[in-house]
Amino acid sequence: MNLLDQYRGMKREVYFLAFGRLVTGLGAMIWPMMTLILSRKMGVEAGRISWLLAAAMIVMAPAVYLGGKLADVTSKKYTIIVLDLISVICYALSAFLPMSWGVIFLLFIGSLCQNMEHPPYHALITDMTVTADRDRAFSLQYLCANLGLMLAPTISGILFVKHLNLAFLINSISIFSSVILIFFGVKDTVPLVETDEASVYQRGRDGENIFKVLQDNPVVILFIIVMSGYFAMYQMYTYLMPLDIAAIQGERGALIYGSVTSVNCLVVVAFTPVVNRLFGDKPETVRIVSGFMLLFGGFAMFVAFMRLVPVYYMSMVILTLGEVFTLTAESPYMSRRVPSTHRGRVNGAYTFIRTVITSVVTLVAGALYSAFGSLPAWISMLAITVGFIAVAVMMDRRDRKAYANLYER
């Protein structure tokens, strides 16, 4: 049977949103380039760049929570459209202005709005799908987003030296295409009402604040901590790994690392349907623990054999498989345990905490790397990963007790 057959039979809006993610992914070529823009175009030194990026992520965190709040109290569809239009304007203006700190500010605002729309996207997909369809609906969104991201780094790399403004314009056009798709193809919706016992945890809780909801769902808080740890450790693939590859391989380092990152997107696109077909019926917590263990295995292989170029690709395949296991379980987990009235806010709070933890861990890793070198920094990060795996195992056990209806077959 065709692996893509599993994505058939869902509401039309799910496919429009997925295609919108693909188109937006094609234009996602600005924020990943920010380090190069700051260093090559603005002349900012490396140490200052790390602090600027960390500060930007911390500023983004409360803004993302605001995006979640808007999703719960206003139209999710039009929240996405308004945020996209602000991004379109910022990137379009940047395309016609000379490079300056004003343009950097516009790029930041555009990227900020793109991050703010993640909770409304998640809440909208959850609202329009029944519990049984969540895994494949979110898997399709993840797959399409990565299809777009496969081409974005290549396009941005080609345009960076002499035609960076064109990259800004392409980004603006891509996002505007997504706006048109969502405006005409997606209807605003209210959460579907399900009556089976497994859906009891999603029942609305009008009038209650997010703190009360989280207090009554301590395992969700544990999930937020675990997943924040996962993203913080995964960040080492874009931070410590390229530093080591560049230090060992010299002038070839950038080219090798670029090809390694392309393997990441290829593995995601190739294996997301496979993993969802074979393991989609497994509990989300089991898939998250498995993903964490694969992440540890991939990084451990890299650290042990980092002078061997083929190992870079092998370790990337392993840790990317872990990414697929983890991220295809992330959104379904939240959608089945969070009240329908608080989906946007809880996702916004999750993104806020995840961003802060990732920023702090990245700064710690950088300080360790600068003070003691590569190996102590990696050993520290791997030790922290083991700690988070232990917490994830504990989460799995508590989740089975707290949400017993979800484990009944």
Protein backbone atom coordinates (compact mmCIF):
# COMPACT_ATOMS: atom_id res chain seq x y z
CA MET A 1 0.00 0.00 0.00
CA ASN A 2 1.23 3.50 -0.82
CA LEU A 3 2.59 5.16 2.32
CA LEU A 4 0.80 8.39 1.38
CA ASP A 5 -2.60 6.64 1.43
CA GLN A 6 -2.65 7.08 5.22
CA TYR A 7 -3.13 10.82 4.70
CA ARG A 8 -6.38 10.43 2.75
CA GLY A 9 -9.87 11.02 4.08
CA MET A 10 -9.34 14.10 6.24
CA LYS A 11 -11.13 17.44 6.00
CA ARG A 12 -10.23 19.62 3.04
CA GLU A 13 -8.95 22.38 5.33
CA VAL A 14 -6.25 20.08 6.70
CA TYR A 15 -4.74 19.78 3.21
CA PHE A 16 -4.93 23.53 2.59
CA LEU A 17 -3.12 24.18 5.87
CA ALA A 18 -0.52 21.53 5.00
CA PHE A 19 0.10 23.08 1.59
CA GLY A 20 0.29 26.48 3.28
CA ARG A 21 3.03 25.09 5.55
CA LEU A 22 4.87 23.79 2.48
CA VAL A 23 4.74 27.17 0.72
CA THR A 24 5.76 29.01 3.89
CA GLY A 25 8.60 26.51 4.35
CA LEU A 26 9.89 27.37 0.89
CA GLY A 27 10.19 30.96 2.05
CA ALA A 28 11.78 30.12 5.42
CA MET A 29 15.20 31.28 4.35
CA ILE A 30 15.74 34.38 6.48
CA TRP A 31 16.02 33.49 10.16
CA PRO A 32 18.34 30.49 9.55
CA MET A 33 20.61 32.94 7.66
CA MET A 34 20.65 35.52 10.44
CA THR A 35 24.07 34.47 11.76
CA LEU A 36 25.59 34.95 8.30
CA ILE A 37 23.69 38.21 7.73
CA LEU A 38 24.98 39.65 11.00
CA SER A 39 28.55 38.46 10.50
CA ARG A 40 29.06 38.94 6.74
CA LYS A 41 26.73 41.84 5.97
CA MET A 42 26.81 43.76 9.27
CA GLY A 43 30.30 42.89 10.52
CA VAL A 44 29.17 41.70 13.96
CA GLU A 45 31.67 39.47 15.80
CA ALA A 46 30.72 35.90 16.78
CA GLY A 47 30.38 36.39 20.54
CA ARG A 48 27.99 39.29 20.13
CA ILE A 49 25.94 37.34 17.57
CA SER A 50 25.26 34.53 20.07
CA TRP A 51 23.95 37.05 22.60
CA LEU A 52 21.86 38.86 19.99
CA LEU A 53 20.25 35.61 18.83
CA ALA A 54 19.64 34.46 22.40
CA ALA A 55 18.06 37.83 23.23
CA ALA A 56 15.89 37.59 20.12
CA MET A 57 14.66 34.14 21.14
CA ILE A 58 13.84 35.36 24.64
CA VAL A 59 11.87 38.30 23.21
CA MET A 60 10.04 35.92 20.89
CA ALA A 61 8.95 33.68 23.76
CA PRO A 62 6.27 35.93 25.35
CA ALA A 63 5.14 37.00 21.87
CA VAL A 64 4.44 33.37 20.99
CA TYR A 65 2.35 33.05 24.16
CA LEU A 66 0.41 36.11 23.00
CA GLY A 67 -0.20 34.30 19.70
CA GLY A 68 -1.65 31.40 21.66
CA LYS A 69 -3.83 33.73 23.73
CA LEU A 70 -5.19 35.34 20.55
CA ALA A 71 -5.97 31.90 19.15
CA ASP A 72 -8.17 31.10 22.16
CA VAL A 73 -10.10 34.37 22.29
CA THR A 74 -10.34 35.42 18.62
CA SER A 75 -10.51 33.82 15.18
CA LYS A 76 -7.63 31.37 14.70
CA LYS A 77 -7.82 31.71 10.93
CA TYR A 78 -7.62 35.49 10.94
CA THR A 79 -4.93 35.52 13.64
CA ILE A 80 -2.76 33.50 11.24
CA ILE A 81 -3.65 35.75 8.29
CA VAL A 82 -2.90 39.02 10.14
CA LEU A 83 0.43 37.72 11.44
CA ASP A 84 1.35 36.49 7.96
CA LEU A 85 0.49 39.85 6.40
CA ILE A 86 2.74 41.67 8.88
CA SER A 87 5.55 39.29 7.89
CA VAL A 88 4.83 39.90 4.20
CA ILE A 89 5.11 43.68 4.67
CA CYS A 90 8.33 43.43 6.73
CA TYR A 91 10.09 41.15 4.26
CA ALA A 92 8.89 43.16 1.25
CA LEU A 93 10.19 46.42 2.75
CA SER A 94 13.51 44.73 3.54
CA ALA A 95 13.87 43.73 -0.10
CA PHE A 96 13.92 47.37 -1.25
CA LEU A 97 16.04 48.92 1.51
CA PRO A 98 19.85 48.93 1.87
CA MET A 99 21.18 46.61 4.57
CA SER A 100 21.11 48.32 7.96
CA TRP A 101 20.03 47.75 11.55
CA GLY A 102 16.60 48.97 10.46
CA VAL A 103 16.39 46.07 8.01
CA ILE A 104 17.58 43.68 10.74
CA PHE A 105 14.70 44.95 12.90
CA LEU A 106 12.19 44.37 10.08
CA LEU A 107 13.53 40.83 9.58
CA PHE A 108 13.17 40.19 13.30
CA ILE A 109 9.54 41.40 13.32
CA GLY A 110 8.77 39.21 10.30
CA SER A 111 10.30 36.16 11.97
CA LEU A 112 8.56 37.02 15.24
CA CYS A 113 5.15 36.96 13.54
CA GLN A 114 5.97 33.65 11.87
CA ASN A 115 6.71 32.17 15.28
CA MET A 116 3.60 33.70 16.84
CA GLU A 117 1.37 31.84 14.39
CA HIS A 118 2.50 28.37 15.48
CA PRO A 119 0.00 28.08 18.40
CA PRO A 120 -2.97 29.22 16.23
CA TYR A 121 -1.93 26.71 13.54
CA HIS A 122 -1.78 23.92 16.10
CA ALA A 123 -5.10 24.89 17.68
CA LEU A 124 -6.86 25.20 14.30
CA ILE A 125 -5.73 21.74 13.15
CA THR A 126 -6.75 20.26 16.50
CA ASP A 127 -10.18 21.91 16.33
CA MET A 128 -10.97 20.52 12.88
CA THR A 129 -9.84 16.92 13.45
CA VAL A 130 -11.20 14.12 15.62
CA THR A 131 -8.83 12.48 18.08
CA ALA A 132 -8.31 9.43 15.87
CA ASP A 133 -7.05 11.60 12.98
CA ARG A 134 -4.63 13.79 14.94
CA ASP A 135 -1.50 11.70 14.37
CA ARG A 136 -1.79 11.68 10.60
CA ALA A 137 -3.00 15.30 10.43
CA PHE A 138 0.00 16.61 12.37
CA SER A 139 2.32 14.18 10.58
CA LEU A 140 1.18 15.66 7.24
CA GLN A 141 1.81 19.22 8.49
CA TYR A 142 5.31 18.24 9.64
CA LEU A 143 6.04 16.46 6.36
CA CYS A 144 4.92 19.39 4.18
CA ALA A 145 6.80 21.95 6.25
CA ASN A 146 10.01 19.97 5.77
CA LEU A 147 9.38 19.54 2.05
CA GLY A 148 9.48 23.32 1.80
CA LEU A 149 12.50 23.58 4.07
CA MET A 150 14.47 21.20 1.82
CA LEU A 151 14.80 23.89 -0.86
CA ALA A 152 14.98 27.02 1.30
CA PRO A 153 18.65 26.68 2.41
CA THR A 154 19.78 26.01 -1.16
CA ILE A 155 17.93 29.04 -2.53
CA SER A 156 19.20 31.30 0.24
CA GLY A 157 22.77 30.07 -0.21
CA ILE A 158 22.68 30.89 -3.92
CA LEU A 159 21.26 34.37 -3.35
CA PHE A 160 23.22 35.34 -0.23
CA VAL A 161 26.35 36.89 -1.75
CA LYS A 162 24.96 39.21 -4.41
CA HIS A 163 21.16 38.99 -4.31
CA LEU A 164 20.15 38.85 -0.64
CA ASN A 165 17.34 41.35 -1.22
CA LEU A 166 15.82 38.90 -3.68
CA ALA A 167 15.72 36.28 -0.93
CA PHE A 168 13.70 38.71 1.21
CA LEU A 169 11.28 39.29 -1.68
CA ILE A 170 10.86 35.55 -2.34
CA ASN A 171 10.15 35.06 1.35
CA SER A 172 7.47 37.74 1.22
CA ILE A 173 5.82 36.26 -1.89
CA SER A 174 5.86 32.74 -0.44
CA ILE A 175 4.13 33.81 2.76
CA PHE A 176 1.58 35.85 0.81
CA SER A 177 0.76 32.74 -1.24
CA SER A 178 0.03 30.96 2.03
CA VAL A 179 -2.28 33.82 3.05
CA ILE A 180 -4.31 33.40 -0.14
CA LEU A 181 -4.57 29.64 0.40
CA ILE A 182 -5.79 30.00 3.97
CA PHE A 183 -8.14 32.90 3.26
CA PHE A 184 -10.02 31.08 0.47
CA GLY A 185 -9.48 27.43 1.44
CA VAL A 186 -9.89 27.31 5.22
CA LYS A 187 -13.05 27.99 7.15
CA ASP A 188 -12.85 29.21 10.72
CA THR A 189 -14.16 26.51 13.00
CA VAL A 190 -15.14 25.68 16.54
CA PRO A 191 -13.72 22.59 18.28
CA LEU A 192 -15.36 19.35 17.25
CA VAL A 193 -17.33 17.81 20.10
CA GLU A 194 -16.43 14.18 20.82
CA THR A 195 -18.29 12.02 23.32
CA ASP A 196 -16.04 8.98 23.74
CA GLU A 197 -14.20 8.41 27.01
CA ALA A 198 -10.78 9.13 25.51
CA SER A 199 -11.91 12.67 24.69
CA VAL A 200 -12.93 13.62 28.22
CA TYR A 201 -9.61 15.39 28.81
CA GLN A 202 -10.32 17.81 25.94
CA ARG A 203 -13.59 19.17 27.29
CA GLY A 204 -13.70 22.95 27.46
CA ARG A 205 -13.11 24.78 30.73
CA ASP A 206 -14.52 28.24 30.12
CA GLY A 207 -13.68 30.94 32.65
CA GLU A 208 -10.58 29.21 34.05
CA ASN A 209 -7.10 30.65 33.63
CA ILE A 210 -4.16 28.75 32.22
CA PHE A 211 -2.49 28.36 35.63
CA LYS A 212 -5.50 26.44 36.99
CA VAL A 213 -5.57 24.22 33.89
CA LEU A 214 -1.86 23.40 34.20
CA GLN A 215 -2.16 22.87 37.95
CA ASP A 216 -4.81 20.23 37.27
CA ASN A 217 -2.63 18.61 34.59
CA PRO A 218 0.85 18.21 36.19
CA VAL A 219 1.89 15.59 33.63
CA VAL A 220 1.42 18.19 30.88
CA ILE A 221 3.88 20.40 32.78
CA LEU A 222 6.27 17.43 32.86
CA PHE A 223 5.77 17.02 29.11
CA ILE A 224 6.63 20.70 28.55
CA ILE A 225 9.85 20.29 30.55
CA VAL A 226 10.81 17.10 28.70
CA MET A 227 10.15 18.52 25.24
CA SER A 228 11.93 21.77 26.12
CA GLY A 229 14.92 19.64 27.07
CA TYR A 230 14.69 17.78 23.79
CA PHE A 231 14.72 20.97 21.73
CA ALA A 232 17.58 22.40 23.81
CA MET A 233 19.70 19.29 23.18
CA TYR A 234 18.68 19.12 19.52
CA GLN A 235 19.96 22.68 19.17
CA MET A 236 23.50 21.30 19.49
CA TYR A 237 23.16 20.05 15.92
CA THR A 238 23.11 23.68 14.78
CA TYR A 239 25.61 24.96 17.33
CA LEU A 240 28.31 22.59 18.65
CA MET A 241 28.31 20.28 15.64
CA PRO A 242 29.13 22.95 13.01
CA LEU A 243 31.80 24.43 15.30
CA ASP A 244 33.56 21.06 15.47
CA ILE A 245 33.18 20.27 11.78
CA ALA A 246 34.63 23.67 10.87
CA ALA A 247 37.51 23.29 13.34
CA ILE A 248 38.44 19.81 12.07
CA GLN A 249 37.75 20.14 8.35
CA GLY A 250 38.92 23.72 7.82
CA GLU A 251 37.79 25.34 4.59
CA ARG A 252 35.74 22.27 3.66
CA GLY A 253 33.78 22.54 6.90
CA ALA A 254 31.00 24.82 5.65
CA LEU A 255 30.41 22.71 2.55
CA ILE A 256 30.39 19.45 4.53
CA TYR A 257 28.05 20.82 7.18
CA GLY A 258 25.71 22.16 4.50
CA SER A 259 25.45 18.70 2.95
CA VAL A 260 24.92 17.16 6.40
CA THR A 261 21.96 19.48 7.04
CA SER A 262 20.46 18.46 3.71
CA VAL A 263 20.50 14.86 4.97
CA ASN A 264 18.34 16.03 7.88
CA CYS A 265 15.57 17.25 5.56
CA LEU A 266 15.84 14.20 3.30
CA VAL A 267 15.48 11.79 6.23
CA VAL A 268 12.48 13.73 7.58
CA VAL A 269 10.70 13.65 4.21
CA ALA A 270 11.56 10.00 3.51
CA PHE A 271 10.82 8.55 6.93
CA THR A 272 7.93 10.59 8.34
CA PRO A 273 5.28 8.53 6.46
CA VAL A 274 7.11 5.30 7.39
CA VAL A 275 7.37 6.12 11.08
CA ASN A 276 3.76 7.30 11.22
CA ARG A 277 2.54 4.12 9.49
CA LEU A 278 4.58 1.72 11.67
CA PHE A 279 4.51 3.51 15.02
CA GLY A 280 1.55 5.91 14.82
CA ASP A 281 -0.52 3.65 17.09
CA LYS A 282 2.14 3.60 19.82
CA PRO A 283 1.67 5.94 22.83
CA GLU A 284 3.12 9.38 22.26
CA THR A 285 5.24 9.09 25.41
CA VAL A 286 6.91 5.91 24.11
CA ARG A 287 7.77 7.64 20.83
CA ILE A 288 9.18 10.64 22.69
CA VAL A 289 11.45 8.42 24.83
CA SER A 290 12.55 6.57 21.67
CA GLY A 291 13.30 9.86 19.93
CA PHE A 292 15.36 11.07 22.88
CA MET A 293 17.41 7.85 22.87
CA LEU A 294 18.08 8.16 19.13
CA LEU A 295 19.14 11.78 19.66
CA PHE A 296 21.62 10.67 22.31
CA GLY A 297 22.89 7.87 20.06
CA GLY A 298 23.43 10.21 17.10
CA PHE A 299 25.35 12.78 19.12
CA ALA A 300 27.39 10.11 20.95
CA MET A 301 28.46 8.64 17.61
CA PHE A 302 29.48 12.07 16.36
CA VAL A 303 31.54 12.83 19.48
CA ALA A 304 33.27 9.44 19.44
CA PHE A 305 34.27 9.58 15.74
CA MET A 306 34.13 13.28 14.84
CA ARG A 307 37.25 13.13 12.67
CA LEU A 308 35.59 10.69 10.25
CA VAL A 309 33.43 12.51 7.68
CA PRO A 310 31.12 9.53 6.91
CA VAL A 311 30.18 9.44 10.60
CA TYR A 312 28.71 12.95 10.27
CA TYR A 313 26.09 11.60 7.89
CA MET A 314 25.44 8.44 9.88
CA SER A 315 24.96 10.39 13.11
CA MET A 316 22.67 12.84 11.32
CA VAL A 317 20.48 9.99 10.06
CA ILE A 318 20.17 8.59 13.60
CA LEU A 319 19.37 11.85 15.37
CA THR A 320 16.96 12.87 12.59
CA LEU A 321 15.07 9.60 13.00
CA GLY A 322 14.81 10.63 16.64
CA GLU A 323 13.43 13.98 15.51
CA VAL A 324 10.75 12.24 13.44
CA PHE A 325 9.73 9.98 16.36
CA THR A 326 9.57 12.92 18.75
CA LEU A 327 7.97 15.65 16.67
CA THR A 328 5.26 13.45 15.18
CA ALA A 329 4.24 12.66 18.78
CA GLU A 330 4.53 16.20 20.16
CA SER A 331 1.36 17.85 18.80
CA PRO A 332 -0.92 14.79 19.15
CA TYR A 333 0.11 14.51 22.81
CA MET A 334 -0.97 18.07 23.57
CA SER A 335 -4.13 17.88 21.51
CA ARG A 336 -5.47 14.88 23.49
CA ARG A 337 -4.77 16.20 26.98
CA VAL A 338 -5.42 19.96 26.88
CA PRO A 339 -8.96 21.43 27.19
CA SER A 340 -10.25 22.75 23.87
CA THR A 341 -10.73 26.22 25.37
CA HIS A 342 -7.03 26.52 26.28
CA ARG A 343 -5.18 24.94 23.35
CA GLY A 344 -3.66 28.16 22.06
CA ARG A 345 -2.55 29.43 25.48
CA VAL A 346 -1.03 26.12 26.58
CA ASN A 347 0.85 25.81 23.29
CA GLY A 348 2.00 29.40 23.64
CA ALA A 349 3.21 28.76 27.19
CA TYR A 350 4.97 25.62 26.01
CA THR A 351 6.76 27.52 23.25
CA PHE A 352 7.68 30.28 25.72
CA ILE A 353 9.28 27.83 28.18
CA ARG A 354 10.94 25.85 25.39
CA THR A 355 12.50 28.99 23.93
CA VAL A 356 13.86 30.19 27.28
CA ILE A 357 15.34 26.78 28.18
CA THR A 358 16.87 26.37 24.72
CA SER A 359 18.43 29.84 24.91
CA VAL A 360 19.93 29.19 28.35
CA VAL A 361 21.30 25.78 27.38
CA THR A 362 22.83 27.20 24.19
CA LEU A 363 24.59 29.93 26.15
CA VAL A 364 25.86 27.36 28.70
CA ALA A 365 27.13 25.11 25.90
CA GLY A 366 28.90 28.08 24.32
CA ALA A 367 30.51 29.06 27.61
CA LEU A 368 31.72 25.49 28.20
CA TYR A 369 33.04 25.25 24.66
CA SER A 370 34.94 28.54 24.97
CA ALA A 371 36.35 27.79 28.43
CA PHE A 372 37.15 24.07 28.24
CA GLY A 373 36.92 23.00 24.61
CA SER A 374 34.78 20.64 22.57
CA LEU A 375 34.89 17.36 24.52
CA PRO A 376 33.90 18.74 27.96
CA ALA A 377 31.07 20.71 26.34
CA TRP A 378 29.77 17.61 24.55
CA ILE A 379 30.09 15.39 27.63
CA SER A 380 28.08 17.92 29.62
CA MET A 381 25.37 18.08 26.97
CA LEU A 382 25.18 14.28 26.69
CA ALA A 383 24.91 13.98 30.48
CA ILE A 384 22.05 16.47 30.47
CA THR A 385 20.40 14.44 27.68
CA VAL A 386 20.57 11.28 29.84
CA GLY A 387 18.91 13.23 32.65
CA PHE A 388 16.07 14.31 30.38
CA ILE A 389 15.63 10.71 29.16
CA ALA A 390 15.12 9.64 32.77
CA VAL A 391 12.51 12.37 33.23
CA ALA A 392 10.81 11.26 29.99
CA VAL A 393 10.56 7.68 31.28
CA MET A 394 9.00 9.00 34.49
CA MET A 395 6.57 11.07 32.39
CA ASP A 396 5.53 7.93 30.50
CA ARG A 397 4.67 6.11 33.72
CA ARG A 398 2.72 9.01 35.21
CA ASP A 399 0.91 9.69 31.94
CA ARG A 400 -0.52 6.16 31.90
CA LYS A 401 -2.10 6.79 35.31
CA ALA A 402 -3.25 10.37 34.75
CA TYR A 403 -4.81 9.73 31.30
CA ALA A 404 -5.80 6.09 31.60
CA ASN A 405 -8.64 6.39 29.07
CA LEU A 406 -6.11 7.12 26.29
CA TYR A 407 -4.41 3.77 26.86
CA GLU A 408 -7.54 1.64 26.63
CA ARG A 409 -7.75 -0.28 23.36
